[in-house]
Full PDB file with SEQRES, HELIX, SHEET, SSBOND, CRYST1, ORIGX, SCALE, CONECT and MASTER records, all heavy atoms in Angstrom:
SEQRES   1 A   44  SER PHE ARG THR ILE LEU MET ARG ARG GLY GLU LYS PRO          
SEQRES   2 A   44  ARG ARG THR SER LEU ARG THR LEU VAL PRO VAL SER VAL          
SEQRES   3 A   44  ARG SER ALA ASP ALA ALA ASP ARG PRO ASP ASN ARG VAL          
SEQRES   4 A   44  SER VAL MET LEU PRO                                          
HELIX    1 AA1 PHE A    2  ARG A    8  1                                   7    
HELIX    2 AA2 ALA A   29  ALA A   31  5                                   3    
SHEET    1 AA1 2 VAL A  22  SER A  25  0                                        
SHEET    2 AA1 2 VAL A  39  MET A  42 -1                                        
CRYST1    1.000    1.000    1.000  90.00  90.00  90.00 P 1           1          
ORIGX1      1.000000  0.000000  0.000000        0.00000                         
ORIGX2      0.000000  1.000000  0.000000        0.00000                         
ORIGX3      0.000000  0.000000  1.000000        0.00000                         
SCALE1      1.000000  0.000000  0.000000        0.00000                         
SCALE2      0.000000  1.000000  0.000000        0.00000                         
SCALE3      0.000000  0.000000  1.000000        0.00000                         
ATOM      1  N   SER A   1      15.444  74.063-150.163  1.00  0.00           N  
ATOM      2  CA  SER A   1      14.189  73.161-150.289  1.00  0.00           C  
ATOM      3  C   SER A   1      13.498  72.939-148.931  1.00  0.00           C  
ATOM      4  O   SER A   1      12.302  73.073-148.941  1.00  0.00           O  
ATOM      5  CB  SER A   1      14.569  71.899-150.928  1.00  0.00           C  
ATOM      6  OG  SER A   1      13.469  71.140-151.433  1.00  0.00           O  
ATOM      7  N   PHE A   2      14.218  72.623-147.876  1.00  0.00           N  
ATOM      8  CA  PHE A   2      13.569  72.437-146.582  1.00  0.00           C  
ATOM      9  C   PHE A   2      13.024  73.775-146.123  1.00  0.00           C  
ATOM     10  O   PHE A   2      11.876  73.722-145.560  1.00  0.00           O  
ATOM     11  CB  PHE A   2      14.677  71.955-145.500  1.00  0.00           C  
ATOM     12  CG  PHE A   2      14.651  70.492-145.341  1.00  0.00           C  
ATOM     13  CD1 PHE A   2      15.739  69.755-145.797  1.00  0.00           C  
ATOM     14  CD2 PHE A   2      13.586  69.802-144.855  1.00  0.00           C  
ATOM     15  CE1 PHE A   2      15.931  68.434-145.592  1.00  0.00           C  
ATOM     16  CE2 PHE A   2      13.647  68.452-144.712  1.00  0.00           C  
ATOM     17  CZ  PHE A   2      14.762  67.748-145.055  1.00  0.00           C  
ATOM     18  N   ARG A   3      13.476  74.878-146.423  1.00  0.00           N  
ATOM     19  CA  ARG A   3      12.974  76.235-146.093  1.00  0.00           C  
ATOM     20  C   ARG A   3      11.562  76.337-146.753  1.00  0.00           C  
ATOM     21  O   ARG A   3      10.614  76.654-146.007  1.00  0.00           O  
ATOM     22  CB  ARG A   3      13.845  77.277-146.470  1.00  0.00           C  
ATOM     23  CG  ARG A   3      13.292  78.673-146.293  1.00  0.00           C  
ATOM     24  CD  ARG A   3      14.115  79.798-146.727  1.00  0.00           C  
ATOM     25  NE  ARG A   3      13.340  81.057-146.647  1.00  0.00           N  
ATOM     26  CZ  ARG A   3      13.157  81.906-145.643  1.00  0.00           C  
ATOM     27  NH1 ARG A   3      13.705  81.564-144.432  1.00  0.00           N  
ATOM     28  NH2 ARG A   3      12.583  82.991-145.744  1.00  0.00           N  
ATOM     29  N   THR A   4      11.519  75.968-147.943  1.00  0.00           N  
ATOM     30  CA  THR A   4      10.211  76.081-148.753  1.00  0.00           C  
ATOM     31  C   THR A   4       9.262  75.172-148.150  1.00  0.00           C  
ATOM     32  O   THR A   4       8.058  75.481-147.986  1.00  0.00           O  
ATOM     33  CB  THR A   4      10.527  75.746-150.243  1.00  0.00           C  
ATOM     34  OG1 THR A   4      11.417  76.674-150.816  1.00  0.00           O  
ATOM     35  CG2 THR A   4       9.180  75.843-150.984  1.00  0.00           C  
ATOM     36  N   ILE A   5       9.656  73.901-147.843  1.00  0.00           N  
ATOM     37  CA  ILE A   5       8.698  72.887-147.201  1.00  0.00           C  
ATOM     38  C   ILE A   5       8.195  73.385-145.859  1.00  0.00           C  
ATOM     39  O   ILE A   5       7.039  73.277-145.659  1.00  0.00           O  
ATOM     40  CB  ILE A   5       9.446  71.564-147.126  1.00  0.00           C  
ATOM     41  CG1 ILE A   5       9.836  70.919-148.400  1.00  0.00           C  
ATOM     42  CG2 ILE A   5       8.586  70.695-146.176  1.00  0.00           C  
ATOM     43  CD1 ILE A   5       8.603  70.462-149.146  1.00  0.00           C  
ATOM     44  N   LEU A   6       9.047  73.904-145.017  1.00  0.00           N  
ATOM     45  CA  LEU A   6       8.596  74.456-143.741  1.00  0.00           C  
ATOM     46  C   LEU A   6       7.641  75.505-143.900  1.00  0.00           C  
ATOM     47  O   LEU A   6       6.559  75.466-143.115  1.00  0.00           O  
ATOM     48  CB  LEU A   6       9.845  74.849-142.868  1.00  0.00           C  
ATOM     49  CG  LEU A   6      10.685  73.751-142.325  1.00  0.00           C  
ATOM     50  CD1 LEU A   6      11.925  74.309-141.722  1.00  0.00           C  
ATOM     51  CD2 LEU A   6      10.008  72.869-141.223  1.00  0.00           C  
ATOM     52  N   MET A   7       7.846  76.421-144.785  1.00  0.00           N  
ATOM     53  CA  MET A   7       6.962  77.599-144.919  1.00  0.00           C  
ATOM     54  C   MET A   7       5.683  77.159-145.451  1.00  0.00           C  
ATOM     55  O   MET A   7       4.659  77.599-145.025  1.00  0.00           O  
ATOM     56  CB  MET A   7       7.544  78.711-145.830  1.00  0.00           C  
ATOM     57  CG  MET A   7       8.826  79.234-145.235  1.00  0.00           C  
ATOM     58  SD  MET A   7       9.667  80.527-146.163  1.00  0.00           S  
ATOM     59  CE  MET A   7       8.375  81.766-146.304  1.00  0.00           C  
ATOM     60  N   ARG A   8       5.709  76.177-146.279  1.00  0.00           N  
ATOM     61  CA  ARG A   8       4.367  75.599-147.026  1.00  0.00           C  
ATOM     62  C   ARG A   8       3.651  74.953-145.893  1.00  0.00           C  
ATOM     63  O   ARG A   8       2.353  75.018-145.954  1.00  0.00           O  
ATOM     64  CB  ARG A   8       4.719  74.646-148.078  1.00  0.00           C  
ATOM     65  CG  ARG A   8       3.426  74.276-148.898  1.00  0.00           C  
ATOM     66  CD  ARG A   8       3.723  73.140-149.971  1.00  0.00           C  
ATOM     67  NE  ARG A   8       4.270  72.030-149.406  1.00  0.00           N  
ATOM     68  CZ  ARG A   8       3.622  71.177-148.693  1.00  0.00           C  
ATOM     69  NH1 ARG A   8       2.280  71.408-148.474  1.00  0.00           N  
ATOM     70  NH2 ARG A   8       4.194  70.126-148.255  1.00  0.00           N  
ATOM     71  N   ARG A   9       4.285  74.223-144.963  1.00  0.00           N  
ATOM     72  CA  ARG A   9       3.632  73.625-143.834  1.00  0.00           C  
ATOM     73  C   ARG A   9       3.166  74.588-142.777  1.00  0.00           C  
ATOM     74  O   ARG A   9       2.594  74.100-141.747  1.00  0.00           O  
ATOM     75  CB  ARG A   9       4.529  72.512-143.247  1.00  0.00           C  
ATOM     76  CG  ARG A   9       4.903  71.395-144.072  1.00  0.00           C  
ATOM     77  CD  ARG A   9       5.662  70.419-143.331  1.00  0.00           C  
ATOM     78  NE  ARG A   9       6.035  69.270-144.202  1.00  0.00           N  
ATOM     79  CZ  ARG A   9       6.813  68.121-143.716  1.00  0.00           C  
ATOM     80  NH1 ARG A   9       7.229  68.119-142.580  1.00  0.00           N  
ATOM     81  NH2 ARG A   9       7.004  67.209-144.519  1.00  0.00           N  
ATOM     82  N   GLY A  10       3.413  75.792-142.939  1.00  0.00           N  
ATOM     83  CA  GLY A  10       3.130  76.807-141.935  1.00  0.00           C  
ATOM     84  C   GLY A  10       3.918  76.922-140.708  1.00  0.00           C  
ATOM     85  O   GLY A  10       3.609  77.447-139.710  1.00  0.00           O  
ATOM     86  N   GLU A  11       5.167  76.560-140.951  1.00  0.00           N  
ATOM     87  CA  GLU A  11       6.174  76.590-139.837  1.00  0.00           C  
ATOM     88  C   GLU A  11       7.265  77.669-140.100  1.00  0.00           C  
ATOM     89  O   GLU A  11       7.698  77.650-141.236  1.00  0.00           O  
ATOM     90  CB  GLU A  11       6.790  75.248-139.509  1.00  0.00           C  
ATOM     91  CG  GLU A  11       5.786  74.138-139.302  1.00  0.00           C  
ATOM     92  CD  GLU A  11       6.472  72.772-139.155  1.00  0.00           C  
ATOM     93  OE1 GLU A  11       7.571  72.670-138.660  1.00  0.00           O  
ATOM     94  OE2 GLU A  11       5.761  71.783-139.547  1.00  0.00           O  
ATOM     95  N   LYS A  12       7.584  78.431-139.029  1.00  0.00           N  
ATOM     96  CA  LYS A  12       8.639  79.416-139.324  1.00  0.00           C  
ATOM     97  C   LYS A  12      10.007  78.815-139.213  1.00  0.00           C  
ATOM     98  O   LYS A  12      10.382  78.163-138.236  1.00  0.00           O  
ATOM     99  CB  LYS A  12       8.499  80.579-138.206  1.00  0.00           C  
ATOM    100  CG  LYS A  12       9.517  81.630-138.384  1.00  0.00           C  
ATOM    101  CD  LYS A  12       9.372  82.684-137.259  1.00  0.00           C  
ATOM    102  CE  LYS A  12      10.361  83.773-137.484  1.00  0.00           C  
ATOM    103  NZ  LYS A  12      10.303  84.878-136.456  1.00  0.00           N  
ATOM    104  N   PRO A  13      10.812  78.982-140.399  1.00  0.00           N  
ATOM    105  CA  PRO A  13      12.242  78.409-140.341  1.00  0.00           C  
ATOM    106  C   PRO A  13      13.093  79.179-139.350  1.00  0.00           C  
ATOM    107  O   PRO A  13      13.172  80.535-139.454  1.00  0.00           O  
ATOM    108  CB  PRO A  13      12.661  78.649-141.780  1.00  0.00           C  
ATOM    109  CG  PRO A  13      11.401  78.838-142.654  1.00  0.00           C  
ATOM    110  CD  PRO A  13      10.402  79.536-141.595  1.00  0.00           C  
ATOM    111  N   ARG A  14      13.691  78.571-138.405  1.00  0.00           N  
ATOM    112  CA  ARG A  14      14.498  79.236-137.358  1.00  0.00           C  
ATOM    113  C   ARG A  14      15.898  78.712-137.560  1.00  0.00           C  
ATOM    114  O   ARG A  14      16.242  77.781-138.218  1.00  0.00           O  
ATOM    115  CB  ARG A  14      14.054  78.976-135.962  1.00  0.00           C  
ATOM    116  CG  ARG A  14      12.538  79.227-135.746  1.00  0.00           C  
ATOM    117  CD  ARG A  14      12.034  78.985-134.306  1.00  0.00           C  
ATOM    118  NE  ARG A  14      10.743  79.171-134.096  1.00  0.00           N  
ATOM    119  CZ  ARG A  14      10.189  80.411-133.756  1.00  0.00           C  
ATOM    120  NH1 ARG A  14      11.027  81.366-133.690  1.00  0.00           N  
ATOM    121  NH2 ARG A  14       8.855  80.539-133.578  1.00  0.00           N  
ATOM    122  N   ARG A  15      16.801  79.558-136.931  1.00  0.00           N  
ATOM    123  CA  ARG A  15      18.239  78.997-137.038  1.00  0.00           C  
ATOM    124  C   ARG A  15      18.482  77.668-136.434  1.00  0.00           C  
ATOM    125  O   ARG A  15      19.293  77.011-136.949  1.00  0.00           O  
ATOM    126  CB  ARG A  15      19.097  80.178-136.178  1.00  0.00           C  
ATOM    127  CG  ARG A  15      20.592  79.832-136.383  1.00  0.00           C  
ATOM    128  CD  ARG A  15      21.445  80.708-135.481  1.00  0.00           C  
ATOM    129  NE  ARG A  15      22.761  80.469-135.710  1.00  0.00           N  
ATOM    130  CZ  ARG A  15      23.586  79.522-135.218  1.00  0.00           C  
ATOM    131  NH1 ARG A  15      23.028  78.608-134.506  1.00  0.00           N  
ATOM    132  NH2 ARG A  15      24.936  79.474-135.511  1.00  0.00           N  
ATOM    133  N   THR A  16      17.702  77.221-135.512  1.00  0.00           N  
ATOM    134  CA  THR A  16      17.819  75.948-134.987  1.00  0.00           C  
ATOM    135  C   THR A  16      16.830  74.838-135.462  1.00  0.00           C  
ATOM    136  O   THR A  16      16.592  73.890-134.877  1.00  0.00           O  
ATOM    137  CB  THR A  16      17.687  76.098-133.361  1.00  0.00           C  
ATOM    138  OG1 THR A  16      16.509  76.580-132.914  1.00  0.00           O  
ATOM    139  CG2 THR A  16      18.826  76.947-132.782  1.00  0.00           C  
ATOM    140  N   SER A  17      16.244  75.180-136.512  1.00  0.00           N  
ATOM    141  CA  SER A  17      15.170  74.369-136.993  1.00  0.00           C  
ATOM    142  C   SER A  17      15.708  73.084-137.690  1.00  0.00           C  
ATOM    143  O   SER A  17      14.976  71.956-137.713  1.00  0.00           O  
ATOM    144  CB  SER A  17      14.292  75.027-138.040  1.00  0.00           C  
ATOM    145  OG  SER A  17      13.593  75.988-137.414  1.00  0.00           O  
ATOM    146  N   LEU A  18      16.924  73.121-138.337  1.00  0.00           N  
ATOM    147  CA  LEU A  18      17.428  71.978-139.022  1.00  0.00           C  
ATOM    148  C   LEU A  18      18.862  71.570-138.714  1.00  0.00           C  
ATOM    149  O   LEU A  18      19.737  71.644-139.479  1.00  0.00           O  
ATOM    150  CB  LEU A  18      17.339  72.418-140.675  1.00  0.00           C  
ATOM    151  CG  LEU A  18      17.327  71.219-141.614  1.00  0.00           C  
ATOM    152  CD1 LEU A  18      16.076  70.314-141.439  1.00  0.00           C  
ATOM    153  CD2 LEU A  18      17.444  71.652-143.015  1.00  0.00           C  
ATOM    154  N   ARG A  19      18.867  71.023-137.488  1.00  0.00           N  
ATOM    155  CA  ARG A  19      20.154  70.374-137.159  1.00  0.00           C  
ATOM    156  C   ARG A  19      20.294  69.148-137.964  1.00  0.00           C  
ATOM    157  O   ARG A  19      19.468  68.212-137.908  1.00  0.00           O  
ATOM    158  CB  ARG A  19      20.333  70.143-135.692  1.00  0.00           C  
ATOM    159  CG  ARG A  19      21.743  69.450-135.302  1.00  0.00           C  
ATOM    160  CD  ARG A  19      21.944  69.136-133.882  1.00  0.00           C  
ATOM    161  NE  ARG A  19      22.125  70.344-133.041  1.00  0.00           N  
ATOM    162  CZ  ARG A  19      23.282  70.971-132.837  1.00  0.00           C  
ATOM    163  NH1 ARG A  19      24.375  70.653-133.539  1.00  0.00           N  
ATOM    164  NH2 ARG A  19      23.312  72.054-131.965  1.00  0.00           N  
ATOM    165  N   THR A  20      21.405  68.897-138.711  1.00  0.00           N  
ATOM    166  CA  THR A  20      21.576  67.872-139.744  1.00  0.00           C  
ATOM    167  C   THR A  20      22.629  66.951-139.373  1.00  0.00           C  
ATOM    168  O   THR A  20      23.802  67.407-138.998  1.00  0.00           O  
ATOM    169  CB  THR A  20      21.628  68.371-141.076  1.00  0.00           C  
ATOM    170  OG1 THR A  20      20.595  69.332-141.349  1.00  0.00           O  
ATOM    171  CG2 THR A  20      21.780  67.373-142.146  1.00  0.00           C  
ATOM    172  N   LEU A  21      22.519  65.606-139.349  1.00  0.00           N  
ATOM    173  CA  LEU A  21      23.532  64.554-139.248  1.00  0.00           C  
ATOM    174  C   LEU A  21      24.155  64.509-140.612  1.00  0.00           C  
ATOM    175  O   LEU A  21      23.690  64.027-141.623  1.00  0.00           O  
ATOM    176  CB  LEU A  21      22.924  63.335-138.807  1.00  0.00           C  
ATOM    177  CG  LEU A  21      23.853  62.204-138.705  1.00  0.00           C  
ATOM    178  CD1 LEU A  21      24.896  62.366-137.644  1.00  0.00           C  
ATOM    179  CD2 LEU A  21      23.094  60.874-138.452  1.00  0.00           C  
ATOM    180  N   VAL A  22      25.484  64.892-140.603  1.00  0.00           N  
ATOM    181  CA  VAL A  22      26.294  64.825-141.857  1.00  0.00           C  
ATOM    182  C   VAL A  22      27.391  63.819-141.586  1.00  0.00           C  
ATOM    183  O   VAL A  22      28.444  64.124-140.952  1.00  0.00           O  
ATOM    184  CB  VAL A  22      26.903  66.192-142.162  1.00  0.00           C  
ATOM    185  CG1 VAL A  22      27.762  66.119-143.415  1.00  0.00           C  
ATOM    186  CG2 VAL A  22      25.776  67.250-142.390  1.00  0.00           C  
ATOM    187  N   PRO A  23      27.354  62.617-141.965  1.00  0.00           N  
ATOM    188  CA  PRO A  23      28.454  61.669-141.944  1.00  0.00           C  
ATOM    189  C   PRO A  23      29.637  62.122-142.600  1.00  0.00           C  
ATOM    190  O   PRO A  23      29.577  62.708-143.786  1.00  0.00           O  
ATOM    191  CB  PRO A  23      27.764  60.306-142.438  1.00  0.00           C  
ATOM    192  CG  PRO A  23      26.319  60.545-142.397  1.00  0.00           C  
ATOM    193  CD  PRO A  23      26.078  62.002-142.763  1.00  0.00           C  
ATOM    194  N   VAL A  24      30.696  61.833-142.140  1.00  0.00           N  
ATOM    195  CA  VAL A  24      32.120  62.247-142.684  1.00  0.00           C  
ATOM    196  C   VAL A  24      32.927  60.943-142.827  1.00  0.00           C  
ATOM    197  O   VAL A  24      33.177  60.283-141.803  1.00  0.00           O  
ATOM    198  CB  VAL A  24      32.853  63.306-141.924  1.00  0.00           C  
ATOM    199  CG1 VAL A  24      34.120  63.672-142.554  1.00  0.00           C  
ATOM    200  CG2 VAL A  24      31.873  64.460-141.637  1.00  0.00           C  
ATOM    201  N   SER A  25      33.436  60.643-143.966  1.00  0.00           N  
ATOM    202  CA  SER A  25      34.290  59.466-144.235  1.00  0.00           C  
ATOM    203  C   SER A  25      35.579  59.613-143.459  1.00  0.00           C  
ATOM    204  O   SER A  25      36.319  60.634-143.585  1.00  0.00           O  
ATOM    205  CB  SER A  25      34.435  59.156-145.671  1.00  0.00           C  
ATOM    206  OG  SER A  25      35.311  58.053-145.805  1.00  0.00           O  
ATOM    207  N   VAL A  26      36.000  58.620-142.713  1.00  0.00           N  
ATOM    208  CA  VAL A  26      37.381  58.527-142.278  1.00  0.00           C  
ATOM    209  C   VAL A  26      38.088  57.252-142.832  1.00  0.00           C  
ATOM    210  O   VAL A  26      39.051  56.798-142.151  1.00  0.00           O  
ATOM    211  CB  VAL A  26      37.379  58.342-140.708  1.00  0.00           C  
ATOM    212  CG1 VAL A  26      36.800  59.720-139.998  1.00  0.00           C  
ATOM    213  CG2 VAL A  26      36.517  57.288-140.049  1.00  0.00           C  
ATOM    214  N   ARG A  27      37.767  56.994-144.031  1.00  0.00           N  
ATOM    215  CA  ARG A  27      38.260  55.850-144.728  1.00  0.00           C  
ATOM    216  C   ARG A  27      39.502  56.204-145.579  1.00  0.00           C  
ATOM    217  O   ARG A  27      39.356  57.121-146.266  1.00  0.00           O  
ATOM    218  CB  ARG A  27      37.178  55.225-145.591  1.00  0.00           C  
ATOM    219  CG  ARG A  27      37.536  53.939-146.304  1.00  0.00           C  
ATOM    220  CD  ARG A  27      36.452  53.438-147.172  1.00  0.00           C  
ATOM    221  NE  ARG A  27      35.253  53.099-146.354  1.00  0.00           N  
ATOM    222  CZ  ARG A  27      35.098  51.947-145.802  1.00  0.00           C  
ATOM    223  NH1 ARG A  27      35.902  50.911-146.072  1.00  0.00           N  
ATOM    224  NH2 ARG A  27      34.142  51.706-145.108  1.00  0.00           N  
ATOM    225  N   SER A  28      40.530  55.470-145.317  1.00  0.00           N  
ATOM    226  CA  SER A  28      41.814  55.690-146.093  1.00  0.00           C  
ATOM    227  C   SER A  28      41.625  55.241-147.449  1.00  0.00           C  
ATOM    228  O   SER A  28      40.736  54.212-147.816  1.00  0.00           O  
ATOM    229  CB  SER A  28      43.043  55.119-145.425  1.00  0.00           C  
ATOM    230  OG  SER A  28      42.783  53.712-145.238  1.00  0.00           O  
ATOM    231  N   ALA A  29      42.374  55.622-148.560  1.00  0.00           N  
ATOM    232  CA  ALA A  29      42.287  55.253-149.925  1.00  0.00           C  
ATOM    233  C   ALA A  29      42.473  53.778-150.082  1.00  0.00           C  
ATOM    234  O   ALA A  29      41.928  53.039-150.860  1.00  0.00           O  
ATOM    235  CB  ALA A  29      43.226  56.011-150.722  1.00  0.00           C  
ATOM    236  N   ASP A  30      43.358  53.216-149.177  1.00  0.00           N  
ATOM    237  CA  ASP A  30      43.780  51.794-149.497  1.00  0.00           C  
ATOM    238  C   ASP A  30      42.676  50.789-148.759  1.00  0.00           C  
ATOM    239  O   ASP A  30      42.743  49.630-148.982  1.00  0.00           O  
ATOM    240  CB  ASP A  30      45.120  51.401-148.790  1.00  0.00           C  
ATOM    241  CG  ASP A  30      45.151  51.792-147.283  1.00  0.00           C  
ATOM    242  OD1 ASP A  30      44.275  52.348-146.805  1.00  0.00           O  
ATOM    243  OD2 ASP A  30      46.265  51.370-146.782  1.00  0.00           O  
ATOM    244  N   ALA A  31      41.691  51.465-148.090  1.00  0.00           N  
ATOM    245  CA  ALA A  31      40.561  50.578-147.546  1.00  0.00           C  
ATOM    246  C   ALA A  31      39.241  50.981-148.102  1.00  0.00           C  
ATOM    247  O   ALA A  31      38.165  50.648-147.710  1.00  0.00           O  
ATOM    248  CB  ALA A  31      40.460  50.760-146.057  1.00  0.00           C  
ATOM    249  N   ALA A  32      39.206  51.594-149.475  1.00  0.00           N  
ATOM    250  CA  ALA A  32      38.033  52.057-150.003  1.00  0.00           C  
ATOM    251  C   ALA A  32      37.080  51.075-150.304  1.00  0.00           C  
ATOM    252  O   ALA A  32      35.750  51.258-150.211  1.00  0.00           O  
ATOM    253  CB  ALA A  32      38.404  52.794-151.296  1.00  0.00           C  
ATOM    254  N   ASP A  33      37.418  49.773-150.617  1.00  0.00           N  
ATOM    255  CA  ASP A  33      36.438  48.728-150.922  1.00  0.00           C  
ATOM    256  C   ASP A  33      36.262  47.653-149.760  1.00  0.00           C  
ATOM    257  O   ASP A  33      35.699  46.692-150.023  1.00  0.00           O  
ATOM    258  CB  ASP A  33      36.830  48.061-152.260  1.00  0.00           C  
ATOM    259  CG  ASP A  33      38.276  47.393-152.073  1.00  0.00           C  
ATOM    260  OD1 ASP A  33      38.976  47.661-151.160  1.00  0.00           O  
ATOM    261  OD2 ASP A  33      38.693  46.768-153.060  1.00  0.00           O  
ATOM    262  N   ARG A  34      36.786  48.037-148.547  1.00  0.00           N  
ATOM    263  CA  ARG A  34      36.591  47.119-147.453  1.00  0.00           C  
ATOM    264  C   ARG A  34      35.135  47.196-146.950  1.00  0.00           C  
ATOM    265  O   ARG A  34      34.793  48.243-146.641  1.00  0.00           O  
ATOM    266  CB  ARG A  34      37.620  47.387-146.424  1.00  0.00           C  
ATOM    267  CG  ARG A  34      37.548  46.322-145.189  1.00  0.00           C  
ATOM    268  CD  ARG A  34      38.658  46.619-144.227  1.00  0.00           C  
ATOM    269  NE  ARG A  34      38.351  45.755-143.046  1.00  0.00           N  
ATOM    270  CZ  ARG A  34      38.753  44.443-142.923  1.00  0.00           C  
ATOM    271  NH1 ARG A  34      39.289  43.844-144.002  1.00  0.00           N  
ATOM    272  NH2 ARG A  34      38.454  43.863-141.812  1.00  0.00           N  
ATOM    273  N   PRO A  35      34.447  46.123-146.861  1.00  0.00           N  
ATOM    274  CA  PRO A  35      33.084  46.131-146.412  1.00  0.00           C  
ATOM    275  C   PRO A  35      32.901  46.297-144.959  1.00  0.00           C  
ATOM    276  O   PRO A  35      33.008  45.386-144.067  1.00  0.00           O  
ATOM    277  CB  PRO A  35      32.560  44.703-146.837  1.00  0.00           C  
ATOM    278  CG  PRO A  35      33.670  43.876-146.837  1.00  0.00           C  
ATOM    279  CD  PRO A  35      34.911  44.650-147.214  1.00  0.00           C  
ATOM    280  N   ASP A  36      32.831  47.484-144.509  1.00  0.00           N  
ATOM    281  CA  ASP A  36      32.600  47.885-143.121  1.00  0.00           C  
ATOM    282  C   ASP A  36      32.238  49.337-143.052  1.00  0.00           C  
ATOM    283  O   ASP A  36      32.124  50.078-144.103  1.00  0.00           O  
ATOM    284  CB  ASP A  36      33.775  47.695-142.242  1.00  0.00           C  
ATOM    285  CG  ASP A  36      35.092  48.355-142.668  1.00  0.00           C  
ATOM    286  OD1 ASP A  36      34.928  49.323-143.629  1.00  0.00           O  
ATOM    287  OD2 ASP A  36      36.142  48.095-142.093  1.00  0.00           O  
ATOM    288  N   ASN A  37      32.040  49.909-141.901  1.00  0.00           N  
ATOM    289  CA  ASN A  37      31.702  51.333-141.715  1.00  0.00           C  
ATOM    290  C   ASN A  37      32.851  52.116-141.186  1.00  0.00           C  
ATOM    291  O   ASN A  37      33.385  51.639-140.081  1.00  0.00           O  
ATOM    292  CB  ASN A  37      30.502  51.458-140.790  1.00  0.00           C  
ATOM    293  CG  ASN A  37      29.164  50.981-141.500  1.00  0.00           C  
ATOM    294  OD1 ASN A  37      28.543  51.787-142.171  1.00  0.00           O  
ATOM    295  ND2 ASN A  37      28.894  49.636-141.427  1.00  0.00           N  
ATOM    296  N   ARG A  38      33.290  53.157-141.772  1.00  0.00           N  
ATOM    297  CA  ARG A  38      34.304  54.036-141.334  1.00  0.00           C  
ATOM    298  C   ARG A  38      33.856  55.443-141.479  1.00  0.00           C  
ATOM    299  O   ARG A  38      34.285  56.135-142.435  1.00  0.00           O  
ATOM    300  CB  ARG A  38      35.590  53.703-142.056  1.00  0.00           C  
ATOM    301  CG  ARG A  38      36.061  52.227-141.975  1.00  0.00           C  
ATOM    302  CD  ARG A  38      37.404  52.055-142.425  1.00  0.00           C  
ATOM    303  NE  ARG A  38      37.782  50.568-142.371  1.00  0.00           N  
ATOM    304  CZ  ARG A  38      38.990  50.077-142.518  1.00  0.00           C  
ATOM    305  NH1 ARG A  38      40.078  50.902-142.658  1.00  0.00           N  
ATOM    306  NH2 ARG A  38      39.158  48.812-142.584  1.00  0.00           N  
ATOM    307  N   VAL A  39      33.028  55.926-140.660  1.00  0.00           N  
ATOM    308  CA  VAL A  39      32.612  57.391-140.589  1.00  0.00           C  
ATOM    309  C   VAL A  39      32.625  57.957-139.287  1.00  0.00           C  
ATOM    310  O   VAL A  39      32.479  57.300-138.217  1.00  0.00           O  
ATOM    311  CB  VAL A  39      31.090  57.266-141.161  1.00  0.00           C  
ATOM    312  CG1 VAL A  39      31.123  56.845-142.580  1.00  0.00           C  
ATOM    313  CG2 VAL A  39      30.224  56.498-140.352  1.00  0.00           C  
ATOM    314  N   SER A  40      32.680  59.298-139.335  1.00  0.00           N  
ATOM    315  CA  SER A  40      32.460  60.122-138.115  1.00  0.00           C  
ATOM    316  C   SER A  40      31.239  61.012-138.531  1.00  0.00           C  
ATOM    317  O   SER A  40      30.627  60.758-139.506  1.00  0.00           O  
ATOM    318  CB  SER A  40      33.697  60.856-137.758  1.00  0.00           C  
ATOM    319  OG  SER A  40      33.470  61.655-136.585  1.00  0.00           O  
ATOM    320  N   VAL A  41      31.032  61.942-137.691  1.00  0.00           N  
ATOM    321  CA  VAL A  41      29.845  62.825-137.885  1.00  0.00           C  
ATOM    322  C   VAL A  41      30.139  64.242-137.701  1.00  0.00           C  
ATOM    323  O   VAL A  41      31.051  64.651-136.845  1.00  0.00           O  
ATOM    324  CB  VAL A  41      28.702  62.402-136.987  1.00  0.00           C  
ATOM    325  CG1 VAL A  41      28.247  60.970-137.317  1.00  0.00           C  
ATOM    326  CG2 VAL A  41      28.978  62.472-135.471  1.00  0.00           C  
ATOM    327  N   MET A  42      29.349  65.145-138.259  1.00  0.00           N  
ATOM    328  CA  MET A  42      29.249  66.601-137.894  1.00  0.00           C  
ATOM    329  C   MET A  42      27.748  66.824-137.756  1.00  0.00           C  
ATOM    330  O   MET A  42      26.890  66.118-138.398  1.00  0.00           O  
ATOM    331  CB  MET A  42      29.821  67.511-138.952  1.00  0.00           C  
ATOM    332  CG  MET A  42      31.336  67.330-139.017  1.00  0.00           C  
ATOM    333  SD  MET A  42      32.114  68.603-140.227  1.00  0.00           S  
ATOM    334  CE  MET A  42      31.357  68.282-141.734  1.00  0.00           C  
ATOM    335  N   LEU A  43      27.472  67.829-136.950  1.00  0.00           N  
ATOM    336  CA  LEU A  43      26.035  68.153-136.678  1.00  0.00           C  
ATOM    337  C   LEU A  43      25.805  69.623-136.850  1.00  0.00           C  
ATOM    338  O   LEU A  43      25.458  70.296-135.884  1.00  0.00           O  
ATOM    339  CB  LEU A  43      25.580  67.657-135.273  1.00  0.00           C  
ATOM    340  CG  LEU A  43      25.773  66.267-134.838  1.00  0.00           C  
ATOM    341  CD1 LEU A  43      25.609  66.020-133.470  1.00  0.00           C  
ATOM    342  CD2 LEU A  43      24.667  65.403-135.709  1.00  0.00           C  
ATOM    343  N   PRO A  44      25.983  70.214-138.180  1.00  0.00           N  
ATOM    344  CA  PRO A  44      25.647  71.604-138.223  1.00  0.00           C  
ATOM    345  C   PRO A  44      24.163  71.892-138.333  1.00  0.00           C  
ATOM    346  O   PRO A  44      23.298  71.055-138.680  1.00  0.00           O  
ATOM    347  CB  PRO A  44      26.294  71.871-139.548  1.00  0.00           C  
ATOM    348  CG  PRO A  44      26.051  70.489-140.314  1.00  0.00           C  
ATOM    349  CD  PRO A  44      26.331  69.524-139.303  1.00  0.00           C  
TER     350      PRO A  44                                                      
MASTER        0    0    0    2    2    0    0    6  349    1    0    4          
END                                                                             
């Protein structure tokens, strides 16, 4: 979908056009409902 959007906007989709912040949970099952933030990240 982002590829289509970029092309419609007149921009060339490149390999480095869409670095994305992907949060990754580091929450254990026994803390599933604890109100806080337990995430790490990947940047593909």
